[in-house]
């Protein structure tokens, strides 16, 4: 949790709010790949990339 607090302070102090959408999209794609790794949906997801 200290990493998240430190990261939030970095973004707030340096006014890097534009990084939030990039981080959220990366987390969503990462979670999607991890959750569907062994399922029947995996071939369709990998064709997106």
PDB file of N, CA and C in Angstrom:
ATOM      1  N   UNK A   1       0.811  -1.201   0.000  1.00  0.00           N
ATOM      2  CA  UNK A   1       0.000   0.000   0.000  1.00  0.00           C
ATOM      3  C   UNK A   1       0.850   1.259   0.000  1.00  0.00           C
ATOM      4  N   UNK A   2       2.051   1.172   0.542  1.00  0.00           N
ATOM      5  CA  UNK A   2       2.905   2.364   0.565  1.00  0.00           C
ATOM      6  C   UNK A   2       3.314   2.758  -0.854  1.00  0.00           C
ATOM      7  N   UNK A   3       3.429   1.767  -1.741  1.00  0.00           N
ATOM      8  CA  UNK A   3       3.760   2.078  -3.127  1.00  0.00           C
ATOM      9  C   UNK A   3       2.654   2.906  -3.771  1.00  0.00           C
ATOM     10  N   UNK A   4       1.411   2.514  -3.518  1.00  0.00           N
ATOM     11  CA  UNK A   4       0.289   3.259  -4.092  1.00  0.00           C
ATOM     12  C   UNK A   4       0.219   4.676  -3.540  1.00  0.00           C
ATOM     13  N   UNK A   5       0.483   4.823  -2.255  1.00  0.00           N
ATOM     14  CA  UNK A   5       0.473   6.150  -1.650  1.00  0.00           C
ATOM     15  C   UNK A   5       1.582   7.021  -2.234  1.00  0.00           C
ATOM     16  N   UNK A   6       2.750   6.438  -2.370  1.00  0.00           N
ATOM     17  CA  UNK A   6       3.878   7.161  -2.947  1.00  0.00           C
ATOM     18  C   UNK A   6       3.615   7.547  -4.408  1.00  0.00           C
ATOM     19  N   UNK A   7       3.025   6.614  -5.138  1.00  0.00           N
ATOM     20  CA  UNK A   7       2.713   6.865  -6.543  1.00  0.00           C
ATOM     21  C   UNK A   7       1.677   7.975  -6.674  1.00  0.00           C
ATOM     22  N   UNK A   8       0.661   7.960  -5.812  1.00  0.00           N
ATOM     23  CA  UNK A   8      -0.358   9.007  -5.836  1.00  0.00           C
ATOM     24  C   UNK A   8       0.264  10.369  -5.539  1.00  0.00           C
ATOM     25  N   UNK A   9       1.163  10.428  -4.565  1.00  0.00           N
ATOM     26  CA  UNK A   9       1.832  11.695  -4.247  1.00  0.00           C
ATOM     27  C   UNK A   9       2.687  12.179  -5.415  1.00  0.00           C
ATOM     28  N   UNK A  10       3.354  11.254  -6.086  1.00  0.00           N
ATOM     29  CA  UNK A  10       4.153  11.620  -7.256  1.00  0.00           C
ATOM     30  C   UNK A  10       3.273  12.235  -8.334  1.00  0.00           C
ATOM     31  N   UNK A  11       2.130  11.580  -8.637  1.00  0.00           N
ATOM     32  CA  UNK A  11       1.231  12.097  -9.666  1.00  0.00           C
ATOM     33  C   UNK A  11       0.647  13.451  -9.280  1.00  0.00           C
ATOM     34  N   UNK A  12       0.299  13.595  -8.010  1.00  0.00           N
ATOM     35  CA  UNK A  12      -0.317  14.834  -7.556  1.00  0.00           C
ATOM     36  C   UNK A  12       0.670  15.992  -7.579  1.00  0.00           C
ATOM     37  N   UNK A  13       1.883  15.757  -7.101  1.00  0.00           N
ATOM     38  CA  UNK A  13       2.878  16.838  -7.017  1.00  0.00           C
ATOM     39  C   UNK A  13       3.353  17.251  -8.401  1.00  0.00           C
ATOM     40  N   UNK A  14       3.585  16.277  -9.269  1.00  0.00           N
ATOM     41  CA  UNK A  14       4.131  16.583 -10.589  1.00  0.00           C
ATOM     42  C   UNK A  14       3.062  16.817 -11.651  1.00  0.00           C
ATOM     43  N   UNK A  15       1.791  16.783 -11.265  1.00  0.00           N
ATOM     44  CA  UNK A  15       0.656  17.039 -12.159  1.00  0.00           C
ATOM     45  C   UNK A  15       0.650  16.097 -13.363  1.00  0.00           C
ATOM     46  N   UNK A  16       0.840  14.822 -13.095  1.00  0.00           N
ATOM     47  CA  UNK A  16       0.869  13.813 -14.154  1.00  0.00           C
ATOM     48  C   UNK A  16      -0.451  13.035 -14.202  1.00  0.00           C
ATOM     49  N   UNK A  17      -1.561  13.744 -14.154  1.00  0.00           N
ATOM     50  CA  UNK A  17      -2.868  13.087 -14.121  1.00  0.00           C
ATOM     51  C   UNK A  17      -3.183  12.346 -15.418  1.00  0.00           C
ATOM     52  N   UNK A  18      -2.527  12.657 -16.488  1.00  0.00           N
ATOM     53  CA  UNK A  18      -2.782  11.997 -17.768  1.00  0.00           C
ATOM     54  C   UNK A  18      -2.306  10.541 -17.752  1.00  0.00           C
ATOM     55  N   UNK A  19      -1.524  10.142 -16.733  1.00  0.00           N
ATOM     56  CA  UNK A  19      -1.068   8.756 -16.639  1.00  0.00           C
ATOM     57  C   UNK A  19      -2.154   7.806 -16.144  1.00  0.00           C
ATOM     58  N   UNK A  20      -3.184   8.339 -15.472  1.00  0.00           N
ATOM     59  CA  UNK A  20      -4.228   7.475 -14.926  1.00  0.00           C
ATOM     60  C   UNK A  20      -4.931   6.629 -15.979  1.00  0.00           C
ATOM     61  N   UNK A  21      -5.399   7.184 -17.102  1.00  0.00           N
ATOM     62  CA  UNK A  21      -6.066   6.331 -18.099  1.00  0.00           C
ATOM     63  C   UNK A  21      -5.147   5.250 -18.667  1.00  0.00           C
ATOM     64  N   UNK A  22      -3.889   5.550 -18.844  1.00  0.00           N
ATOM     65  CA  UNK A  22      -2.942   4.567 -19.376  1.00  0.00           C
ATOM     66  C   UNK A  22      -2.771   3.419 -18.386  1.00  0.00           C
ATOM     67  N   UNK A  23      -2.616   3.750 -17.110  1.00  0.00           N
ATOM     68  CA  UNK A  23      -2.429   2.728 -16.088  1.00  0.00           C
ATOM     69  C   UNK A  23      -3.677   1.868 -15.949  1.00  0.00           C
ATOM     70  N   UNK A  24      -4.850   2.484 -15.988  1.00  0.00           N
ATOM     71  CA  UNK A  24      -6.099   1.730 -15.862  1.00  0.00           C
ATOM     72  C   UNK A  24      -6.275   0.771 -17.030  1.00  0.00           C
ATOM     73  N   UNK A  25      -5.985   1.217 -18.241  1.00  0.00           N
ATOM     74  CA  UNK A  25      -6.116   0.344 -19.415  1.00  0.00           C
ATOM     75  C   UNK A  25      -5.117  -0.807 -19.339  1.00  0.00           C
ATOM     76  N   UNK A  26      -3.892  -0.536 -18.929  1.00  0.00           N
ATOM     77  CA  UNK A  26      -2.906  -1.611 -18.789  1.00  0.00           C
ATOM     78  C   UNK A  26      -3.338  -2.637 -17.748  1.00  0.00           C
ATOM     79  N   UNK A  27      -3.883  -2.173 -16.636  1.00  0.00           N
ATOM     80  CA  UNK A  27      -4.365  -3.093 -15.608  1.00  0.00           C
ATOM     81  C   UNK A  27      -5.540  -3.923 -16.104  1.00  0.00           C
ATOM     82  N   UNK A  28      -6.445  -3.301 -16.851  1.00  0.00           N
ATOM     83  CA  UNK A  28      -7.591  -4.040 -17.386  1.00  0.00           C
ATOM     84  C   UNK A  28      -7.153  -5.109 -18.380  1.00  0.00           C
ATOM     85  N   UNK A  29      -6.254  -4.754 -19.295  1.00  0.00           N
ATOM     86  CA  UNK A  29      -5.763  -5.744 -20.261  1.00  0.00           C
ATOM     87  C   UNK A  29      -4.997  -6.862 -19.564  1.00  0.00           C
ATOM     88  N   UNK A  30      -4.184  -6.520 -18.582  1.00  0.00           N
ATOM     89  CA  UNK A  30      -3.447  -7.538 -17.842  1.00  0.00           C
ATOM     90  C   UNK A  30      -4.377  -8.481 -17.107  1.00  0.00           C
ATOM     91  N   UNK A  31      -5.390  -7.929 -16.452  1.00  0.00           N
ATOM     92  CA  UNK A  31      -6.367  -8.766 -15.761  1.00  0.00           C
ATOM     93  C   UNK A  31      -7.158  -9.635 -16.722  1.00  0.00           C
ATOM     94  N   UNK A  32      -7.500  -9.086 -17.869  1.00  0.00           N
ATOM     95  CA  UNK A  32      -8.239  -9.851 -18.881  1.00  0.00           C
ATOM     96  C   UNK A  32      -7.422 -11.034 -19.372  1.00  0.00           C
ATOM     97  N   UNK A  33      -6.158 -10.815 -19.614  1.00  0.00           N
ATOM     98  CA  UNK A  33      -5.295 -11.903 -20.098  1.00  0.00           C
ATOM     99  C   UNK A  33      -5.097 -12.953 -19.017  1.00  0.00           C
ATOM    100  N   UNK A  34      -4.905 -12.532 -17.772  1.00  0.00           N
ATOM    101  CA  UNK A  34      -4.694 -13.490 -16.685  1.00  0.00           C
ATOM    102  C   UNK A  34      -5.960 -14.307 -16.429  1.00  0.00           C
ATOM    103  N   UNK A  35      -7.106 -13.666 -16.418  1.00  0.00           N
ATOM    104  CA  UNK A  35      -8.347 -14.361 -16.100  1.00  0.00           C
ATOM    105  C   UNK A  35      -8.808 -15.306 -17.208  1.00  0.00           C
ATOM    106  N   UNK A  36      -8.472 -15.009 -18.452  1.00  0.00           N
ATOM    107  CA  UNK A  36      -8.938 -15.846 -19.564  1.00  0.00           C
ATOM    108  C   UNK A  36      -7.838 -16.733 -20.126  1.00  0.00           C
ATOM    109  N   UNK A  37      -6.770 -16.880 -19.410  1.00  0.00           N
ATOM    110  CA  UNK A  37      -5.622 -17.628 -19.919  1.00  0.00           C
ATOM    111  C   UNK A  37      -5.972 -19.084 -20.222  1.00  0.00           C
ATOM    112  N   UNK A  38      -6.765 -19.726 -19.400  1.00  0.00           N
ATOM    113  CA  UNK A  38      -7.058 -21.133 -19.612  1.00  0.00           C
ATOM    114  C   UNK A  38      -8.449 -21.387 -20.154  1.00  0.00           C
ATOM    115  N   UNK A  39      -9.126 -20.375 -20.631  1.00  0.00           N
ATOM    116  CA  UNK A  39     -10.500 -20.573 -21.065  1.00  0.00           C
ATOM    117  C   UNK A  39     -10.597 -20.653 -22.589  1.00  0.00           C
ATOM    118  N   UNK A  40     -11.798 -20.872 -23.050  1.00  0.00           N
ATOM    119  CA  UNK A  40     -12.054 -20.969 -24.488  1.00  0.00           C
ATOM    120  C   UNK A  40     -12.047 -19.602 -25.163  1.00  0.00           C
ATOM    121  N   UNK A  41     -12.061 -18.535 -24.363  1.00  0.00           N
ATOM    122  CA  UNK A  41     -12.078 -17.181 -24.911  1.00  0.00           C
ATOM    123  C   UNK A  41     -10.674 -16.721 -25.290  1.00  0.00           C
ATOM    124  N   UNK A  42      -9.667 -17.366 -24.767  1.00  0.00           N
ATOM    125  CA  UNK A  42      -8.277 -16.939 -24.956  1.00  0.00           C
ATOM    126  C   UNK A  42      -7.882 -16.761 -26.425  1.00  0.00           C
ATOM    127  N   UNK A  43      -8.204 -17.670 -27.352  1.00  0.00           N
ATOM    128  CA  UNK A  43      -7.798 -17.449 -28.738  1.00  0.00           C
ATOM    129  C   UNK A  43      -8.368 -16.175 -29.349  1.00  0.00           C
ATOM    130  N   UNK A  44      -9.574 -15.806 -28.929  1.00  0.00           N
ATOM    131  CA  UNK A  44     -10.186 -14.596 -29.481  1.00  0.00           C
ATOM    132  C   UNK A  44      -9.531 -13.352 -28.921  1.00  0.00           C
ATOM    133  N   UNK A  45      -9.102 -13.400 -27.665  1.00  0.00           N
ATOM    134  CA  UNK A  45      -8.454 -12.237 -27.070  1.00  0.00           C
ATOM    135  C   UNK A  45      -7.075 -12.025 -27.674  1.00  0.00           C
ATOM    136  N   UNK A  46      -6.350 -13.101 -27.914  1.00  0.00           N
ATOM    137  CA  UNK A  46      -5.000 -12.966 -28.459  1.00  0.00           C
ATOM    138  C   UNK A  46      -5.018 -12.478 -29.905  1.00  0.00           C
ATOM    139  N   UNK A  47      -6.121 -12.643 -30.612  1.00  0.00           N
ATOM    140  CA  UNK A  47      -6.188 -12.120 -31.976  1.00  0.00           C
ATOM    141  C   UNK A  47      -6.331 -10.605 -31.984  1.00  0.00           C
ATOM    142  N   UNK A  48      -6.784 -10.038 -30.872  1.00  0.00           N
ATOM    143  CA  UNK A  48      -6.893  -8.571 -30.777  1.00  0.00           C
ATOM    144  C   UNK A  48      -5.509  -7.942 -30.845  1.00  0.00           C
ATOM    145  N   UNK A  49      -4.527  -8.621 -30.260  1.00  0.00           N
ATOM    146  CA  UNK A  49      -3.179  -8.072 -30.206  1.00  0.00           C
ATOM    147  C   UNK A  49      -2.365  -8.629 -31.331  1.00  0.00           C
TER     148      UNK A  49
END
